[in-house]
């Protein structure tokens, strides 16, 4: 069966249009998502990554796939 949506940006924007409330996201976080959501892919994230050290550390650790306590 073919997928209804093949573009991740379209899928995320659709699923989070209500802030994620129907996906189990807490009310305050859902409100923030509704107000400020921006989905970035590929090279779009490079500027944010290089300009924000805290975000770069978070993203690098997140994509390492291991909890910090295992390092």
PDB file of N, CA and C in Angstrom:
ATOM      1  N   UNK A   1       0.843  -1.172   0.000  1.00  0.00           N
ATOM      2  CA  UNK A   1       0.000   0.000   0.000  1.00  0.00           C
ATOM      3  C   UNK A   1       0.900   1.251   0.000  1.00  0.00           C
ATOM      4  N   UNK A   2       0.701   2.150  -0.952  1.00  0.00           N
ATOM      5  CA  UNK A   2       1.520   3.360  -1.005  1.00  0.00           C
ATOM      6  C   UNK A   2       1.226   4.292   0.175  1.00  0.00           C
ATOM      7  N   UNK A   3       2.219   5.020   0.571  1.00  0.00           N
ATOM      8  CA  UNK A   3       2.066   5.980   1.662  1.00  0.00           C
ATOM      9  C   UNK A   3       1.246   7.171   1.202  1.00  0.00           C
ATOM     10  N   UNK A   4       0.457   7.714   2.129  1.00  0.00           N
ATOM     11  CA  UNK A   4      -0.344   8.904   1.807  1.00  0.00           C
ATOM     12  C   UNK A   4       0.563  10.121   1.630  1.00  0.00           C
ATOM     13  N   UNK A   5       1.587  10.206   2.469  1.00  0.00           N
ATOM     14  CA  UNK A   5       2.513  11.334   2.422  1.00  0.00           C
ATOM     15  C   UNK A   5       3.931  10.800   2.320  1.00  0.00           C
ATOM     16  N   UNK A   6       4.704  11.335   1.402  1.00  0.00           N
ATOM     17  CA  UNK A   6       6.089  10.883   1.255  1.00  0.00           C
ATOM     18  C   UNK A   6       7.101  11.967   1.633  1.00  0.00           C
ATOM     19  N   UNK A   7       6.615  13.145   1.964  1.00  0.00           N
ATOM     20  CA  UNK A   7       7.490  14.260   2.327  1.00  0.00           C
ATOM     21  C   UNK A   7       7.415  14.482   3.835  1.00  0.00           C
ATOM     22  N   UNK A   8       8.554  14.389   4.524  1.00  0.00           N
ATOM     23  CA  UNK A   8       8.571  14.490   5.980  1.00  0.00           C
ATOM     24  C   UNK A   8       8.104  15.850   6.474  1.00  0.00           C
ATOM     25  N   UNK A   9       8.448  16.912   5.778  1.00  0.00           N
ATOM     26  CA  UNK A   9       8.026  18.247   6.210  1.00  0.00           C
ATOM     27  C   UNK A   9       6.500  18.346   6.170  1.00  0.00           C
ATOM     28  N   UNK A  10       5.894  17.881   5.086  1.00  0.00           N
ATOM     29  CA  UNK A  10       4.437  17.901   4.968  1.00  0.00           C
ATOM     30  C   UNK A  10       3.802  17.058   6.072  1.00  0.00           C
ATOM     31  N   UNK A  11       4.365  15.889   6.328  1.00  0.00           N
ATOM     32  CA  UNK A  11       3.831  15.000   7.355  1.00  0.00           C
ATOM     33  C   UNK A  11       3.898  15.644   8.739  1.00  0.00           C
ATOM     34  N   UNK A  12       5.050  16.195   9.092  1.00  0.00           N
ATOM     35  CA  UNK A  12       5.191  16.825  10.403  1.00  0.00           C
ATOM     36  C   UNK A  12       4.271  18.027  10.564  1.00  0.00           C
ATOM     37  N   UNK A  13       4.206  18.864   9.551  1.00  0.00           N
ATOM     38  CA  UNK A  13       3.330  20.033   9.643  1.00  0.00           C
ATOM     39  C   UNK A  13       1.873  19.614   9.779  1.00  0.00           C
ATOM     40  N   UNK A  14       1.484  18.560   9.090  1.00  0.00           N
ATOM     41  CA  UNK A  14       0.119  18.057   9.186  1.00  0.00           C
ATOM     42  C   UNK A  14      -0.166  17.489  10.575  1.00  0.00           C
ATOM     43  N   UNK A  15       0.731  16.648  11.070  1.00  0.00           N
ATOM     44  CA  UNK A  15       0.532  16.004  12.371  1.00  0.00           C
ATOM     45  C   UNK A  15       0.616  16.995  13.530  1.00  0.00           C
ATOM     46  N   UNK A  16       1.364  18.071  13.350  1.00  0.00           N
ATOM     47  CA  UNK A  16       1.540  19.042  14.434  1.00  0.00           C
ATOM     48  C   UNK A  16       0.733  20.323  14.220  1.00  0.00           C
ATOM     49  N   UNK A  17      -0.185  20.317  13.264  1.00  0.00           N
ATOM     50  CA  UNK A  17      -0.987  21.510  12.976  1.00  0.00           C
ATOM     51  C   UNK A  17      -1.760  21.983  14.196  1.00  0.00           C
ATOM     52  N   UNK A  18      -2.189  21.049  15.030  1.00  0.00           N
ATOM     53  CA  UNK A  18      -2.918  21.409  16.252  1.00  0.00           C
ATOM     54  C   UNK A  18      -1.970  21.531  17.435  1.00  0.00           C
ATOM     55  N   UNK A  19      -0.684  21.582  17.164  1.00  0.00           N
ATOM     56  CA  UNK A  19       0.319  21.664  18.217  1.00  0.00           C
ATOM     57  C   UNK A  19       0.749  20.303  18.717  1.00  0.00           C
ATOM     58  N   UNK A  20       0.167  19.265  18.179  1.00  0.00           N
ATOM     59  CA  UNK A  20       0.515  17.910  18.594  1.00  0.00           C
ATOM     60  C   UNK A  20      -0.420  17.338  19.640  1.00  0.00           C
ATOM     61  N   UNK A  21      -1.496  18.050  19.946  1.00  0.00           N
ATOM     62  CA  UNK A  21      -2.428  17.577  20.968  1.00  0.00           C
ATOM     63  C   UNK A  21      -2.950  16.177  20.665  1.00  0.00           C
ATOM     64  N   UNK A  22      -3.254  15.885  19.396  1.00  0.00           N
ATOM     65  CA  UNK A  22      -3.760  14.563  19.033  1.00  0.00           C
ATOM     66  C   UNK A  22      -2.653  13.521  18.970  1.00  0.00           C
ATOM     67  N   UNK A  23      -1.416  13.946  19.178  1.00  0.00           N
ATOM     68  CA  UNK A  23      -0.286  13.020  19.191  1.00  0.00           C
ATOM     69  C   UNK A  23       0.243  12.835  20.610  1.00  0.00           C
ATOM     70  N   UNK A  24      -0.493  13.347  21.600  1.00  0.00           N
ATOM     71  CA  UNK A  24      -0.105  13.167  22.993  1.00  0.00           C
ATOM     72  C   UNK A  24       0.861  14.206  23.523  1.00  0.00           C
ATOM     73  N   UNK A  25       0.983  15.337  22.855  1.00  0.00           N
ATOM     74  CA  UNK A  25       1.870  16.395  23.313  1.00  0.00           C
ATOM     75  C   UNK A  25       1.155  17.215  24.396  1.00  0.00           C
ATOM     76  N   UNK A  26       1.863  17.531  25.457  1.00  0.00           N
ATOM     77  CA  UNK A  26       1.298  18.303  26.567  1.00  0.00           C
ATOM     78  C   UNK A  26       0.812  19.671  26.090  1.00  0.00           C
ATOM     79  N   UNK A  27      -0.191  20.218  26.774  1.00  0.00           N
ATOM     80  CA  UNK A  27      -0.842  21.468  26.366  1.00  0.00           C
ATOM     81  C   UNK A  27       0.120  22.637  26.181  1.00  0.00           C
ATOM     82  N   UNK A  28       1.014  22.882  27.144  1.00  0.00           N
ATOM     83  CA  UNK A  28       1.924  24.030  27.031  1.00  0.00           C
ATOM     84  C   UNK A  28       2.910  23.863  25.873  1.00  0.00           C
ATOM     85  N   UNK A  29       3.355  22.645  25.663  1.00  0.00           N
ATOM     86  CA  UNK A  29       4.262  22.390  24.536  1.00  0.00           C
ATOM     87  C   UNK A  29       3.505  22.523  23.225  1.00  0.00           C
ATOM     88  N   UNK A  30       2.264  22.009  23.180  1.00  0.00           N
ATOM     89  CA  UNK A  30       1.438  22.119  21.980  1.00  0.00           C
ATOM     90  C   UNK A  30       1.205  23.580  21.621  1.00  0.00           C
ATOM     91  N   UNK A  31       0.981  24.411  22.618  1.00  0.00           N
ATOM     92  CA  UNK A  31       0.777  25.843  22.369  1.00  0.00           C
ATOM     93  C   UNK A  31       2.026  26.472  21.762  1.00  0.00           C
ATOM     94  N   UNK A  32       3.186  26.123  22.286  1.00  0.00           N
ATOM     95  CA  UNK A  32       4.447  26.641  21.755  1.00  0.00           C
ATOM     96  C   UNK A  32       4.674  26.168  20.324  1.00  0.00           C
ATOM     97  N   UNK A  33       4.356  24.903  20.054  1.00  0.00           N
ATOM     98  CA  UNK A  33       4.499  24.364  18.700  1.00  0.00           C
ATOM     99  C   UNK A  33       3.604  25.128  17.735  1.00  0.00           C
ATOM    100  N   UNK A  34       2.366  25.364  18.131  1.00  0.00           N
ATOM    101  CA  UNK A  34       1.432  26.100  17.259  1.00  0.00           C
ATOM    102  C   UNK A  34       1.959  27.493  16.928  1.00  0.00           C
ATOM    103  N   UNK A  35       2.604  28.136  17.884  1.00  0.00           N
ATOM    104  CA  UNK A  35       3.071  29.512  17.687  1.00  0.00           C
ATOM    105  C   UNK A  35       4.396  29.592  16.935  1.00  0.00           C
ATOM    106  N   UNK A  36       5.293  28.620  17.154  1.00  0.00           N
ATOM    107  CA  UNK A  36       6.673  28.785  16.694  1.00  0.00           C
ATOM    108  C   UNK A  36       7.224  27.678  15.825  1.00  0.00           C
ATOM    109  N   UNK A  37       6.414  26.712  15.417  1.00  0.00           N
ATOM    110  CA  UNK A  37       6.950  25.564  14.680  1.00  0.00           C
ATOM    111  C   UNK A  37       7.591  25.967  13.360  1.00  0.00           C
ATOM    112  N   UNK A  38       8.795  25.486  13.159  1.00  0.00           N
ATOM    113  CA  UNK A  38       9.493  25.637  11.891  1.00  0.00           C
ATOM    114  C   UNK A  38      10.255  24.343  11.656  1.00  0.00           C
ATOM    115  N   UNK A  39       9.998  23.685  10.558  1.00  0.00           N
ATOM    116  CA  UNK A  39      10.664  22.432  10.237  1.00  0.00           C
ATOM    117  C   UNK A  39      11.797  22.727   9.267  1.00  0.00           C
ATOM    118  N   UNK A  40      13.016  22.302   9.641  1.00  0.00           N
ATOM    119  CA  UNK A  40      14.178  22.514   8.792  1.00  0.00           C
ATOM    120  C   UNK A  40      14.753  21.168   8.395  1.00  0.00           C
ATOM    121  N   UNK A  41      15.197  21.065   7.146  1.00  0.00           N
ATOM    122  CA  UNK A  41      15.796  19.824   6.660  1.00  0.00           C
ATOM    123  C   UNK A  41      17.119  20.121   5.963  1.00  0.00           C
ATOM    124  N   UNK A  42      17.954  19.097   5.946  1.00  0.00           N
ATOM    125  CA  UNK A  42      19.235  19.151   5.238  1.00  0.00           C
ATOM    126  C   UNK A  42      20.039  20.393   5.608  1.00  0.00           C
ATOM    127  N   UNK A  43      20.453  21.174   4.653  1.00  0.00           N
ATOM    128  CA  UNK A  43      21.325  22.322   4.892  1.00  0.00           C
ATOM    129  C   UNK A  43      20.683  23.470   5.645  1.00  0.00           C
ATOM    130  N   UNK A  44      19.368  23.470   5.754  1.00  0.00           N
ATOM    131  CA  UNK A  44      18.681  24.562   6.450  1.00  0.00           C
ATOM    132  C   UNK A  44      19.094  24.647   7.923  1.00  0.00           C
ATOM    133  N   UNK A  45      19.488  23.550   8.512  1.00  0.00           N
ATOM    134  CA  UNK A  45      19.814  23.521   9.933  1.00  0.00           C
ATOM    135  C   UNK A  45      21.255  23.951  10.206  1.00  0.00           C
ATOM    136  N   UNK A  46      22.076  23.992   9.165  1.00  0.00           N
ATOM    137  CA  UNK A  46      23.498  24.300   9.336  1.00  0.00           C
ATOM    138  C   UNK A  46      23.785  25.601  10.038  1.00  0.00           C
ATOM    139  N   UNK A  47      23.068  26.662   9.679  1.00  0.00           N
ATOM    140  CA  UNK A  47      23.294  27.963  10.306  1.00  0.00           C
ATOM    141  C   UNK A  47      22.964  27.950  11.788  1.00  0.00           C
ATOM    142  N   UNK A  48      21.845  27.339  12.139  1.00  0.00           N
ATOM    143  CA  UNK A  48      21.440  27.247  13.547  1.00  0.00           C
ATOM    144  C   UNK A  48      22.461  26.416  14.315  1.00  0.00           C
ATOM    145  N   UNK A  49      22.887  25.312  13.726  1.00  0.00           N
ATOM    146  CA  UNK A  49      23.850  24.417  14.358  1.00  0.00           C
ATOM    147  C   UNK A  49      25.173  25.126  14.636  1.00  0.00           C
ATOM    148  N   UNK A  50      25.657  25.866  13.657  1.00  0.00           N
ATOM    149  CA  UNK A  50      26.964  26.516  13.822  1.00  0.00           C
ATOM    150  C   UNK A  50      26.918  27.757  14.703  1.00  0.00           C
ATOM    151  N   UNK A  51      25.755  28.368  14.848  1.00  0.00           N
ATOM    152  CA  UNK A  51      25.642  29.603  15.634  1.00  0.00           C
ATOM    153  C   UNK A  51      25.220  29.366  17.078  1.00  0.00           C
ATOM    154  N   UNK A  52      24.719  28.179  17.405  1.00  0.00           N
ATOM    155  CA  UNK A  52      24.197  27.922  18.740  1.00  0.00           C
ATOM    156  C   UNK A  52      24.875  26.678  19.308  1.00  0.00           C
ATOM    157  N   UNK A  53      25.858  26.896  20.173  1.00  0.00           N
ATOM    158  CA  UNK A  53      26.654  25.804  20.717  1.00  0.00           C
ATOM    159  C   UNK A  53      25.789  24.819  21.499  1.00  0.00           C
ATOM    160  N   UNK A  54      24.866  25.320  22.318  1.00  0.00           N
ATOM    161  CA  UNK A  54      24.016  24.433  23.110  1.00  0.00           C
ATOM    162  C   UNK A  54      23.172  23.528  22.206  1.00  0.00           C
ATOM    163  N   UNK A  55      22.621  24.099  21.149  1.00  0.00           N
ATOM    164  CA  UNK A  55      21.832  23.305  20.212  1.00  0.00           C
ATOM    165  C   UNK A  55      22.711  22.282  19.501  1.00  0.00           C
ATOM    166  N   UNK A  56      23.913  22.680  19.115  1.00  0.00           N
ATOM    167  CA  UNK A  56      24.829  21.765  18.434  1.00  0.00           C
ATOM    168  C   UNK A  56      25.161  20.576  19.322  1.00  0.00           C
ATOM    169  N   UNK A  57      25.411  20.828  20.602  1.00  0.00           N
ATOM    170  CA  UNK A  57      25.706  19.741  21.538  1.00  0.00           C
ATOM    171  C   UNK A  57      24.491  18.823  21.673  1.00  0.00           C
ATOM    172  N   UNK A  58      23.307  19.420  21.862  1.00  0.00           N
ATOM    173  CA  UNK A  58      22.084  18.630  21.989  1.00  0.00           C
ATOM    174  C   UNK A  58      21.869  17.755  20.763  1.00  0.00           C
ATOM    175  N   UNK A  59      21.941  18.344  19.571  1.00  0.00           N
ATOM    176  CA  UNK A  59      21.653  17.608  18.345  1.00  0.00           C
ATOM    177  C   UNK A  59      22.675  16.496  18.105  1.00  0.00           C
ATOM    178  N   UNK A  60      23.934  16.787  18.375  1.00  0.00           N
ATOM    179  CA  UNK A  60      24.984  15.786  18.209  1.00  0.00           C
ATOM    180  C   UNK A  60      24.752  14.611  19.152  1.00  0.00           C
ATOM    181  N   UNK A  61      24.427  14.903  20.409  1.00  0.00           N
ATOM    182  CA  UNK A  61      24.164  13.841  21.374  1.00  0.00           C
ATOM    183  C   UNK A  61      22.909  13.057  20.994  1.00  0.00           C
ATOM    184  N   UNK A  62      21.884  13.750  20.522  1.00  0.00           N
ATOM    185  CA  UNK A  62      20.644  13.098  20.124  1.00  0.00           C
ATOM    186  C   UNK A  62      20.890  12.111  18.990  1.00  0.00           C
ATOM    187  N   UNK A  63      21.653  12.525  17.998  1.00  0.00           N
ATOM    188  CA  UNK A  63      21.903  11.662  16.851  1.00  0.00           C
ATOM    189  C   UNK A  63      22.962  10.598  17.117  1.00  0.00           C
ATOM    190  N   UNK A  64      23.674  10.705  18.216  1.00  0.00           N
ATOM    191  CA  UNK A  64      24.627   9.642  18.545  1.00  0.00           C
ATOM    192  C   UNK A  64      23.892   8.358  18.879  1.00  0.00           C
ATOM    193  N   UNK A  65      22.631   8.485  19.323  1.00  0.00           N
ATOM    194  CA  UNK A  65      21.805   7.317  19.577  1.00  0.00           C
ATOM    195  C   UNK A  65      22.084   6.601  20.883  1.00  0.00           C
ATOM    196  N   UNK A  66      22.894   7.197  21.715  1.00  0.00           N
ATOM    197  CA  UNK A  66      23.224   6.582  23.003  1.00  0.00           C
ATOM    198  C   UNK A  66      22.908   7.540  24.129  1.00  0.00           C
ATOM    199  N   UNK A  67      22.348   7.036  25.215  1.00  0.00           N
ATOM    200  CA  UNK A  67      22.151   7.898  26.380  1.00  0.00           C
ATOM    201  C   UNK A  67      23.518   8.374  26.907  1.00  0.00           C
ATOM    202  N   UNK A  68      23.556   9.582  27.436  1.00  0.00           N
ATOM    203  CA  UNK A  68      24.821  10.137  27.932  1.00  0.00           C
ATOM    204  C   UNK A  68      25.485   9.241  28.958  1.00  0.00           C
ATOM    205  N   UNK A  69      24.697   8.579  29.806  1.00  0.00           N
ATOM    206  CA  UNK A  69      25.283   7.771  30.861  1.00  0.00           C
ATOM    207  C   UNK A  69      25.993   6.523  30.321  1.00  0.00           C
ATOM    208  N   UNK A  70      25.806   6.200  29.034  1.00  0.00           N
ATOM    209  CA  UNK A  70      26.508   5.063  28.438  1.00  0.00           C
ATOM    210  C   UNK A  70      27.829   5.464  27.808  1.00  0.00           C
ATOM    211  N   UNK A  71      28.082   6.754  27.696  1.00  0.00           N
ATOM    212  CA  UNK A  71      29.337   7.218  27.069  1.00  0.00           C
ATOM    213  C   UNK A  71      30.499   7.125  28.028  1.00  0.00           C
TER     214      UNK A  71
END
